[in-house]
C-alpha cells in the first residue's frame, strides 16, 4: 500500500516511515501542511497519516480540504492533544481515526491495518492469473502449486501487475505505486526488478505471463 506521512517532527516521521516500510508499504513524507496537502491532492494514497499541528497549514484544514475535494483516502490523525473536544474536532473534520502521542507502535500498526482493511473490504484478497496465485493475506505466491519466494519489492511489483492483469502499465505508473516519491525514474531499476520476477515466475514455464510492450510498459496476462 502507498502511504503518506504528514509530520513536522522529522524524527517521529522517520521512525514511522521505517516501521511502515518494514511492513512492506511504500511511504512518502511531507514536513509541513502545504506540502502535505499538495502531495495528498496530486497522488493516489491508500492511507494518509496526518499530524494535527503543522506549519503553513494545520491538519484540520488539510483534512477538511481533502474531504471537500472528495478525496477518499482514509486519514489517521496524530496529535499530542488528547482532549475529547480535540478528538471530536479531528473526527468531524473528516478523519477516520485519531491517535494521541506518545503511542505504542504496535497500536499504531493495528490502527493502520484496520483502516487499510476497511478501505479494501470489498476488494479481493487473492489474485490468480493462469496458474499463478498471489494471496494478499498471507503474502504467499505460488505457480503451479509451487511456492515462490519473493523480496518485499518483488512482491509489491507482482501485486501491482496482478491487480492490473490484462492492462499495460507504464514505468511511470509502476514507479508511483511500487516506489516512493524520491524514486529516480531515469534509472533502469524497474527493468531490473521485472527481470527478477521473470526469472522466478516465468523461468521454466511453458506459458510466459510477464510481457514487455515496447514503448509503453509491461503487461501480465495469460
Protein backbone atom coordinates (compact mmCIF):
# COMPACT_ATOMS: atom_id res chain seq x y z
CA UNK A 1 0.00 0.00 0.00
CA UNK A 2 1.11 3.57 -0.62
CA UNK A 3 1.00 5.76 2.49
CA UNK A 4 1.61 9.48 3.05
CA UNK A 5 3.00 10.75 6.37
CA UNK A 6 2.49 14.47 7.08
CA UNK A 7 4.51 15.17 10.22
CA UNK A 8 6.78 18.12 11.01
CA UNK A 9 8.80 16.29 13.68
CA UNK A 10 11.34 14.59 11.43
CA UNK A 11 12.49 12.01 13.97
CA UNK A 12 8.93 10.82 14.53
CA UNK A 13 8.22 10.84 10.79
CA UNK A 14 11.39 8.86 10.09
CA UNK A 15 10.55 6.33 12.81
CA UNK A 16 7.04 5.80 11.43
CA UNK A 17 8.35 5.54 7.88
CA UNK A 18 10.87 2.84 8.80
CA UNK A 19 8.22 0.84 10.61
CA UNK A 20 5.76 1.04 7.71
CA UNK A 21 8.43 0.14 5.15
CA UNK A 22 9.30 -2.91 7.27
CA UNK A 23 5.65 -3.91 6.84
CA UNK A 24 6.07 -3.71 3.06
CA UNK A 25 4.39 -0.35 2.41
CA UNK A 26 5.56 2.41 0.08
CA UNK A 27 5.87 5.64 2.09
CA UNK A 28 6.08 9.34 1.14
CA UNK A 29 6.71 12.12 3.67
CA UNK A 30 5.89 15.81 3.99
CA UNK A 31 7.07 18.04 6.84
CA UNK A 32 4.64 20.94 6.53
CA UNK A 33 0.95 21.30 5.81
CA UNK A 34 1.19 22.90 2.38
CA UNK A 35 3.47 20.17 1.04
CA UNK A 36 1.30 17.51 2.64
CA UNK A 37 -1.87 18.90 1.08
CA UNK A 38 -0.17 19.13 -2.32
CA UNK A 39 1.04 15.51 -2.22
CA UNK A 40 -2.31 14.22 -0.96
CA UNK A 41 -4.13 16.12 -3.71
CA UNK A 42 -1.89 15.03 -6.57
CA UNK A 43 -1.18 11.38 -5.70
CA UNK A 44 -3.32 8.33 -5.03
CA UNK A 45 -2.71 7.16 -1.45
CA UNK A 46 -4.21 4.18 0.37
CA UNK A 47 -3.78 5.96 3.72
CA UNK A 48 -2.77 9.42 4.99
CA UNK A 49 -1.18 9.79 8.42
CA UNK A 50 -1.72 13.40 9.40
CA UNK A 51 -0.31 15.38 12.32
CA UNK A 52 -2.68 17.96 13.78
CA UNK A 53 -0.20 20.76 14.49
CA UNK A 54 1.74 21.59 11.32
CA UNK A 55 3.49 24.69 9.94
CA UNK A 56 1.93 26.53 6.98
CA UNK A 57 -1.37 24.57 7.12
CA UNK A 58 -2.76 22.66 10.10
CA UNK A 59 -4.07 19.10 9.95
CA UNK A 60 -7.72 20.06 10.47
CA UNK A 61 -7.61 22.40 7.46
CA UNK A 62 -5.90 19.78 5.31
CA UNK A 63 -8.45 17.17 6.31
CA UNK A 64 -11.39 19.45 5.52
CA UNK A 65 -9.91 20.44 2.14
CA UNK A 66 -9.31 16.81 1.16
CA UNK A 67 -12.83 15.79 2.09
CA UNK A 68 -14.32 18.79 0.30
CA UNK A 69 -12.39 17.64 -2.79
CA UNK A 70 -13.89 14.14 -2.35
CA UNK A 71 -10.51 12.58 -1.61
CA UNK A 72 -11.43 9.06 -0.39
CA UNK A 73 -8.13 8.12 1.30
CA UNK A 74 -8.54 7.06 4.95
CA UNK A 75 -6.94 9.56 7.34
CA UNK A 76 -5.31 8.68 10.67
CA UNK A 77 -4.76 11.85 12.67
CA UNK A 78 -1.81 12.01 15.10
CA UNK A 79 -1.58 14.64 17.80
CA UNK A 80 -0.34 15.41 21.30
CA UNK A 81 -3.78 16.86 22.11
CA UNK A 82 -5.82 14.25 23.95
CA UNK A 83 -8.88 16.26 24.94
CA UNK A 84 -12.32 15.00 23.93
CA UNK A 85 -13.06 18.24 22.09
CA UNK A 86 -9.85 17.87 20.06
CA UNK A 87 -10.74 14.31 19.11
CA UNK A 88 -14.24 15.30 18.11
CA UNK A 89 -12.88 18.20 16.05
CA UNK A 90 -10.50 15.86 14.23
CA UNK A 91 -13.14 13.26 13.50
CA UNK A 92 -15.71 15.87 12.47
CA UNK A 93 -13.22 17.36 10.01
CA UNK A 94 -13.16 14.03 8.16
CA UNK A 95 -10.51 11.92 9.87
CA UNK A 96 -11.25 8.19 10.13
CA UNK A 97 -9.24 7.59 13.31
CA UNK A 98 -7.37 9.60 15.94
CA UNK A 99 -4.26 8.56 17.89
CA UNK A 100 -2.57 10.63 20.60
CA UNK A 101 1.18 10.91 21.14
CA UNK A 102 3.10 9.22 22.59
CA UNK A 103 1.74 5.92 21.31
CA UNK A 104 2.80 2.28 21.26
CA UNK A 105 3.93 1.39 17.75
CA UNK A 106 2.02 -1.92 17.89
CA UNK A 107 -1.20 0.01 18.47
CA UNK A 108 -0.32 2.37 15.64
CA UNK A 109 0.21 -0.57 13.25
CA UNK A 110 -3.06 -2.14 14.37
CA UNK A 111 -4.92 1.07 13.55
CA UNK A 112 -3.16 1.27 10.17
CA UNK A 113 -4.14 -2.33 9.37
CA UNK A 114 -7.72 -1.64 10.42
CA UNK A 115 -8.04 1.42 8.17
CA UNK A 116 -6.44 -0.35 5.21
CA UNK A 117 -8.73 -3.33 5.78
CA UNK A 118 -11.80 -1.08 5.76
CA UNK A 119 -10.62 0.62 2.58
CA UNK A 120 -10.15 -2.72 0.87
CA UNK A 121 -13.10 -4.56 2.48
CA UNK A 122 -14.80 -5.03 -0.87
CA UNK A 123 -11.58 -5.80 -2.70
CA UNK A 124 -10.37 -9.34 -3.43
CA UNK A 125 -7.88 -10.96 -1.07
CA UNK A 126 -6.41 -13.25 -3.71
CA UNK A 127 -5.36 -12.75 -7.34
CA UNK A 128 -4.99 -15.52 -9.90
CA UNK A 129 -3.70 -15.40 -13.48
CA UNK A 130 -3.38 -18.79 -15.19
CA UNK A 131 -1.63 -20.98 -12.58
CA UNK A 132 -0.04 -18.01 -10.77
CA UNK A 133 -1.66 -17.08 -7.45
CA UNK A 134 -0.95 -14.24 -5.01
CA UNK A 135 -2.60 -14.20 -1.58
CA UNK A 136 -2.82 -10.73 -0.04
CA UNK A 137 -3.49 -12.07 3.45
CA UNK A 138 -0.57 -14.49 3.71
CA UNK A 139 1.71 -12.83 1.11
CA UNK A 140 2.13 -16.32 -0.36
CA UNK A 141 2.86 -16.57 -4.09
CA UNK A 142 2.58 -19.86 -5.96
CA UNK A 143 2.80 -21.02 -9.55
CA UNK A 144 1.56 -24.49 -10.45
CA UNK A 145 1.13 -25.02 -6.69
CA UNK A 146 4.84 -24.40 -6.09
CA UNK A 147 5.61 -21.61 -3.63
CA UNK A 148 7.82 -18.78 -4.90
CA UNK A 149 9.97 -16.73 -2.55
CA UNK A 150 9.97 -13.00 -3.32
CA UNK A 151 11.62 -9.98 -1.73
CA UNK A 152 9.40 -7.21 -0.39
CA UNK A 153 9.87 -5.09 -3.52
CA UNK A 154 9.41 -8.04 -5.90
CA UNK A 155 6.16 -8.90 -4.13
CA UNK A 156 4.92 -5.29 -4.35
CA UNK A 157 5.71 -5.19 -8.06
CA UNK A 158 3.97 -8.50 -8.74
CA UNK A 159 0.96 -7.42 -6.71
CA UNK A 160 0.64 -4.25 -8.81
CA UNK A 161 0.95 -6.23 -12.05
CA UNK A 162 -1.67 -8.73 -10.91
CA UNK A 163 -4.06 -6.02 -9.75
CA UNK A 164 -3.83 -4.68 -13.30
CA UNK A 165 -3.70 -8.04 -15.11
CA UNK A 166 -4.55 -7.70 -18.79
CA UNK A 167 -3.72 -3.97 -18.78
CA UNK A 168 -0.49 -2.32 -19.93
CA UNK A 169 1.16 -0.47 -17.04
CA UNK A 170 3.76 2.17 -17.79
CA UNK A 171 7.04 2.60 -15.94
CA UNK A 172 5.67 5.86 -14.53
CA UNK A 173 2.63 4.09 -13.07
CA UNK A 174 4.83 1.36 -11.61
CA UNK A 175 7.17 3.92 -10.02
CA UNK A 176 4.20 5.77 -8.48
CA UNK A 177 2.70 2.67 -6.89
CA UNK A 178 5.70 0.49 -6.05
CA UNK A 179 8.43 3.04 -5.24
CA UNK A 180 8.25 6.24 -3.20
CA UNK A 181 8.23 9.82 -4.42
CA UNK A 182 12.04 10.08 -4.36
CA UNK A 183 12.45 7.29 -6.93
CA UNK A 184 14.65 8.23 -9.89
CA UNK A 185 12.58 7.38 -12.97
CA UNK A 186 15.64 7.66 -15.20
CA UNK A 187 17.29 4.55 -13.74
CA UNK A 188 16.74 1.01 -15.05
CA UNK A 189 15.64 -0.24 -11.62
CA UNK A 190 12.14 -1.17 -12.80
CA UNK A 191 13.53 -3.20 -15.72
CA UNK A 192 15.91 -4.96 -13.32
CA UNK A 193 13.06 -5.96 -10.99
CA UNK A 194 10.90 -7.08 -13.90
CA UNK A 195 13.75 -9.40 -14.89
CA UNK A 196 13.99 -10.67 -11.30
CA UNK A 197 10.29 -11.52 -11.42
CA UNK A 198 10.58 -13.18 -14.82
CA UNK A 199 13.30 -15.48 -13.54
CA UNK A 200 11.16 -16.51 -10.58
CA UNK A 201 7.72 -16.54 -12.25
CA UNK A 202 8.31 -17.49 -15.89
CA UNK A 203 11.62 -19.37 -15.91
CA UNK A 204 10.98 -22.98 -16.91
CA UNK A 205 7.26 -22.41 -17.51
CA UNK A 206 5.74 -23.22 -20.89
CA UNK A 207 3.47 -20.19 -20.75
CA UNK A 208 5.11 -16.79 -20.09
CA UNK A 209 2.96 -14.36 -18.12
CA UNK A 210 5.05 -11.17 -17.92
CA UNK A 211 5.32 -9.40 -21.27
CA UNK A 212 7.05 -6.22 -22.46
CA UNK A 213 5.02 -3.84 -24.62
CA UNK A 214 7.64 -1.85 -26.48
CA UNK A 215 7.42 1.89 -25.98
CA UNK A 216 4.62 1.53 -23.41
CA UNK A 217 5.48 -0.68 -20.44
CA UNK A 218 4.57 -4.14 -19.19
CA UNK A 219 1.57 -6.40 -19.03
CA UNK A 220 0.81 -9.55 -17.05
CA UNK A 221 -1.57 -11.86 -18.91
CA UNK A 222 -2.12 -15.47 -19.93
